Amino acid sequence: MKTLIALAGTLALTGAALADFTGLTFEEIDNGNPDYRTFRVLARFSDLNDKIQAFAGLDGQPLYWTTNVQSGIYNDDGDFGTGHIQDIPFGNGDNLDIDTWMTIGQIGGFDFSGVSFSPDFLGIPGGEDLQVLTDGLTSFSDEDSAVFIPGPAKDVTTWGDNDVPVDVALAQFTVASSAASEVYMEFGAIVQWQNGAGENFQTYAVIPAPGALALLGLAGVARRRRR
């Protein structure tokens, strides 16, 4: 997998560069169903000239997610025959606001065929063709998995957001609203991106940051309604 997406070998941590990619954030989505709560993971950029290539887990820096909701995630049964997008119905966005998935890009008008998954994604042989995010899953962690855009990195404004900060969707997780009085959730990944000068960076980001309030719905989470 490491050669497949050609992740940069050096972790660049210059202050100016990191000012472009400011980290990950959760956003609560109004999914239209009071029985479930849906949280989207967004990569936030402060420069309209930035580009995004991939997010991944490598040695010592896993791609991971966890929640305190014991019933785990809700994963709708979309058309999985198309393979590359984990349980997103190709050409049918009816369940995108409640489904659990991983991708790169804003939802709506995005060509999902432009995103690929590494072989054995999340440790599942043939992961590109399996529904690896199953109902009831409460956590996963993998140090050899990636979601990536084949070919050149794409502008962070590709998905229609032309104001800073620019938020690029990476994942979405739905849990039962009554399963826990307070929902706790974490997500971590290496984000591979480029600045406007064409310099490549990979930054390991975790949300919530160490010591931050992690109870969703209490702080730092916005609820967005469908427009």
Protein backbone atom coordinates (compact mmCIF):
# COMPACT_ATOMS: atom_id res chain seq x y z
CA MET A 1 0.00 0.00 0.00
CA LYS A 2 2.83 2.40 0.80
CA THR A 3 4.07 2.30 -2.78
CA LEU A 4 0.55 2.31 -4.19
CA ILE A 5 -0.26 5.82 -3.04
CA ALA A 6 3.37 6.98 -2.81
CA LEU A 7 3.05 8.72 0.52
CA ALA A 8 5.85 11.20 1.12
CA GLY A 9 8.67 9.73 3.11
CA THR A 10 9.20 12.78 5.32
CA LEU A 11 6.65 14.31 7.65
CA ALA A 12 6.88 18.04 6.99
CA LEU A 13 5.92 20.15 9.98
CA THR A 14 6.83 23.71 9.02
CA GLY A 15 4.57 26.28 10.62
CA ALA A 16 3.65 28.01 7.37
CA ALA A 17 2.65 24.78 5.70
CA LEU A 18 0.61 23.50 8.60
CA ALA A 19 -1.30 26.76 8.61
CA ASP A 20 -2.91 25.54 5.36
CA PHE A 21 -4.17 22.21 6.69
CA THR A 22 -5.57 23.13 10.09
CA GLY A 23 -6.78 19.68 11.15
CA LEU A 24 -9.88 17.51 11.32
CA THR A 25 -13.29 18.43 12.65
CA PHE A 26 -16.63 16.72 13.29
CA GLU A 27 -19.90 18.10 11.99
CA GLU A 28 -23.28 16.69 12.97
CA ILE A 29 -25.59 16.10 10.00
CA ASP A 30 -29.37 16.27 10.17
CA ASN A 31 -30.16 12.85 8.70
CA GLY A 32 -33.93 13.17 8.98
CA ASN A 33 -34.24 10.21 11.34
CA PRO A 34 -34.60 10.95 15.09
CA ASP A 35 -33.47 7.43 15.96
CA TYR A 36 -29.94 8.05 14.66
CA ARG A 37 -27.19 10.66 14.96
CA THR A 38 -24.79 11.19 12.08
CA PHE A 39 -21.32 12.77 12.32
CA ARG A 40 -19.18 13.72 9.34
CA VAL A 41 -15.36 13.95 9.49
CA LEU A 42 -14.00 16.97 7.62
CA ALA A 43 -10.43 17.95 6.73
CA ARG A 44 -10.16 21.72 7.09
CA PHE A 45 -7.90 23.91 4.91
CA SER A 46 -7.23 27.64 5.16
CA ASP A 47 -5.92 28.23 1.63
CA LEU A 48 -8.02 27.92 -1.55
CA ASN A 49 -4.90 26.79 -3.47
CA ASP A 50 -4.36 23.64 -1.38
CA LYS A 51 -4.87 20.16 -2.85
CA ILE A 52 -5.72 16.82 -1.25
CA GLN A 53 -4.44 13.40 -2.33
CA ALA A 54 -5.22 10.79 0.33
CA PHE A 55 -5.82 9.87 3.94
CA ALA A 56 -4.30 6.74 5.39
CA GLY A 57 -2.81 4.77 8.24
CA LEU A 58 0.87 3.79 8.35
CA ASP A 59 3.20 2.27 10.96
CA GLY A 60 2.59 3.90 14.33
CA GLN A 61 -0.03 6.27 12.88
CA PRO A 62 -3.16 4.21 12.26
CA LEU A 63 -6.30 5.08 10.39
CA TYR A 64 -8.77 4.58 13.21
CA TRP A 65 -12.24 5.34 14.54
CA THR A 66 -13.92 4.51 17.81
CA THR A 67 -17.16 5.28 19.66
CA ASN A 68 -18.67 4.61 23.07
CA VAL A 69 -22.01 3.62 21.50
CA GLN A 70 -22.09 -0.12 22.16
CA SER A 71 -24.57 -0.86 19.38
CA GLY A 72 -21.95 0.47 16.96
CA ILE A 73 -22.48 2.14 13.62
CA TYR A 74 -25.50 2.04 11.38
CA ASN A 75 -24.50 1.14 7.82
CA ASP A 76 -27.25 1.30 5.23
CA ASP A 77 -27.46 -1.46 2.64
CA GLY A 78 -26.61 0.48 -0.47
CA ASP A 79 -25.70 -0.98 -3.84
CA PHE A 80 -22.25 -2.39 -3.13
CA GLY A 81 -21.66 -4.02 -6.49
CA THR A 82 -19.69 -1.06 -7.81
CA GLY A 83 -16.89 -1.79 -5.37
CA HIS A 84 -14.82 1.30 -4.82
CA ILE A 85 -16.91 3.33 -2.40
CA GLN A 86 -17.75 1.58 0.83
CA ASP A 87 -21.52 1.17 0.71
CA ILE A 88 -22.32 4.34 -1.23
CA PRO A 89 -24.95 3.64 -3.93
CA PHE A 90 -23.33 4.66 -7.18
CA GLY A 91 -25.48 7.31 -8.84
CA ASN A 92 -28.07 7.31 -6.02
CA GLY A 93 -27.64 9.75 -3.16
CA ASP A 94 -30.84 8.95 -1.28
CA ASN A 95 -29.06 7.50 1.77
CA LEU A 96 -25.91 9.65 1.90
CA ASP A 97 -27.12 11.70 4.87
CA ILE A 98 -27.59 8.66 7.13
CA ASP A 99 -25.18 6.09 5.75
CA THR A 100 -21.71 5.28 7.13
CA TRP A 101 -18.92 5.65 4.58
CA MET A 102 -15.43 6.89 3.72
CA THR A 103 -14.48 8.95 0.67
CA ILE A 104 -12.66 12.15 -0.32
CA GLY A 105 -14.72 15.17 -1.23
CA GLN A 106 -17.87 17.07 -0.50
CA ILE A 107 -21.05 15.08 -0.92
CA GLY A 108 -23.16 16.16 -3.85
CA GLY A 109 -22.08 16.25 -7.47
CA PHE A 110 -18.90 14.27 -6.79
CA ASP A 111 -17.80 11.52 -9.15
CA PHE A 112 -17.29 8.74 -6.61
CA SER A 113 -15.50 6.64 -9.20
CA GLY A 114 -12.57 9.06 -8.79
CA VAL A 115 -11.72 7.68 -5.33
CA SER A 116 -9.99 4.35 -4.66
CA PHE A 117 -9.15 2.17 -1.67
CA SER A 118 -5.90 0.33 -1.00
CA PRO A 119 -5.83 -3.47 -1.34
CA ASP A 120 -6.94 -5.28 1.82
CA PHE A 121 -8.58 -2.09 3.05
CA LEU A 122 -8.89 -2.17 6.87
CA GLY A 123 -7.32 -5.62 6.87
CA ILE A 124 -10.10 -7.26 4.84
CA PRO A 125 -8.76 -9.28 1.87
CA GLY A 126 -10.10 -7.72 -1.30
CA GLY A 127 -11.27 -4.75 0.76
CA GLU A 128 -12.20 -2.74 -2.32
CA ASP A 129 -15.06 -5.14 -3.00
CA LEU A 130 -16.34 -5.83 0.52
CA GLN A 131 -18.64 -3.95 2.83
CA VAL A 132 -16.01 -3.52 5.51
CA LEU A 133 -17.95 -1.05 7.64
CA THR A 134 -20.51 -3.42 9.13
CA ASP A 135 -23.45 -2.79 11.44
CA GLY A 136 -22.46 -2.95 15.10
CA LEU A 137 -18.81 -2.03 14.59
CA THR A 138 -17.61 0.13 17.50
CA SER A 139 -14.00 0.70 16.38
CA PHE A 140 -11.37 -0.09 13.78
CA SER A 141 -7.64 0.58 13.53
CA ASP A 142 -5.31 -0.19 10.65
CA GLU A 143 -1.72 0.81 9.84
CA ASP A 144 -1.79 -0.26 6.19
CA SER A 145 -4.91 1.26 4.65
CA ALA A 146 -5.59 4.28 2.46
CA VAL A 147 -8.35 6.15 0.68
CA PHE A 148 -6.85 8.05 -2.23
CA ILE A 149 -7.39 9.92 -5.47
CA PRO A 150 -5.49 8.19 -8.29
CA GLY A 151 -3.37 10.55 -10.34
CA PRO A 152 -2.82 14.21 -9.48
CA ALA A 153 -4.09 15.63 -6.18
CA LYS A 154 -7.35 17.57 -6.47
CA ASP A 155 -7.97 21.18 -5.47
CA VAL A 156 -9.79 21.39 -2.15
CA THR A 157 -12.29 23.66 -3.93
CA THR A 158 -13.22 20.85 -6.37
CA TRP A 159 -16.38 20.16 -4.41
CA GLY A 160 -17.81 23.67 -4.59
CA ASP A 161 -16.49 25.30 -1.41
CA ASN A 162 -14.75 28.54 -2.44
CA ASP A 163 -14.60 30.25 0.93
CA VAL A 164 -12.08 29.67 3.71
CA PRO A 165 -12.02 27.58 5.71
CA VAL A 166 -12.53 24.88 3.10
CA ASP A 167 -13.90 21.60 4.47
CA VAL A 168 -13.35 18.35 2.56
CA ALA A 169 -15.42 15.34 3.65
CA LEU A 170 -13.44 12.20 4.52
CA ALA A 171 -15.88 9.98 6.40
CA GLN A 172 -19.29 9.74 8.01
CA PHE A 173 -20.47 7.61 10.93
CA THR A 174 -24.05 7.08 12.12
CA VAL A 175 -24.97 5.72 15.56
CA ALA A 176 -28.23 5.14 17.40
CA SER A 177 -29.34 8.34 19.14
CA SER A 178 -30.71 6.50 22.18
CA ALA A 179 -27.78 4.10 22.60
CA ALA A 180 -25.77 6.49 24.77
CA SER A 181 -26.76 9.65 26.61
CA GLU A 182 -23.52 11.26 25.43
CA VAL A 183 -21.84 10.23 22.19
CA TYR A 184 -18.05 9.92 22.28
CA MET A 185 -16.19 9.55 19.01
CA GLU A 186 -12.58 9.67 17.81
CA PHE A 187 -11.03 9.58 14.33
CA GLY A 188 -7.38 9.63 13.27
CA ALA A 189 -5.59 9.56 9.92
CA ILE A 190 -2.56 10.75 7.98
CA VAL A 191 -3.76 13.40 5.53
CA GLN A 192 -1.65 13.76 2.39
CA TRP A 193 -1.94 17.18 0.78
CA GLN A 194 -0.15 19.87 -1.24
CA ASN A 195 0.12 23.61 -0.72
CA GLY A 196 -0.24 26.20 -3.45
CA ALA A 197 3.49 26.00 -4.23
CA GLY A 198 3.16 22.29 -5.05
CA GLU A 199 5.00 21.10 -1.94
CA ASN A 200 3.84 17.73 -0.59
CA PHE A 201 2.99 17.14 3.06
CA GLN A 202 1.55 14.37 5.15
CA THR A 203 0.17 15.29 8.53
CA TYR A 204 -1.17 12.92 11.16
CA ALA A 205 -4.31 14.40 12.65
CA VAL A 206 -6.59 13.12 15.41
CA ILE A 207 -9.97 14.40 16.45
CA PRO A 208 -10.57 15.15 19.22
CA ALA A 209 -7.09 16.48 19.88
CA PRO A 210 -5.54 15.21 23.12
CA GLY A 211 -7.27 16.87 26.05
CA ALA A 212 -10.11 18.28 23.94
CA LEU A 213 -13.77 17.79 24.73
CA ALA A 214 -14.85 14.67 22.88
CA LEU A 215 -18.53 14.46 23.74
CA LEU A 216 -20.25 15.32 20.48
CA GLY A 217 -23.17 17.65 20.70
CA LEU A 218 -21.69 19.50 23.70
CA ALA A 219 -18.98 21.55 22.01
CA GLY A 220 -17.39 22.17 18.64
CA VAL A 221 -20.06 20.35 16.62
CA ALA A 222 -22.42 22.15 14.29
CA ARG A 223 -25.71 20.68 13.13
CA ARG A 224 -26.35 21.20 9.45
CA ARG A 225 -29.66 20.72 7.72
CA ARG A 226 -30.01 19.53 4.16
CA ARG A 227 -30.52 22.34 1.71
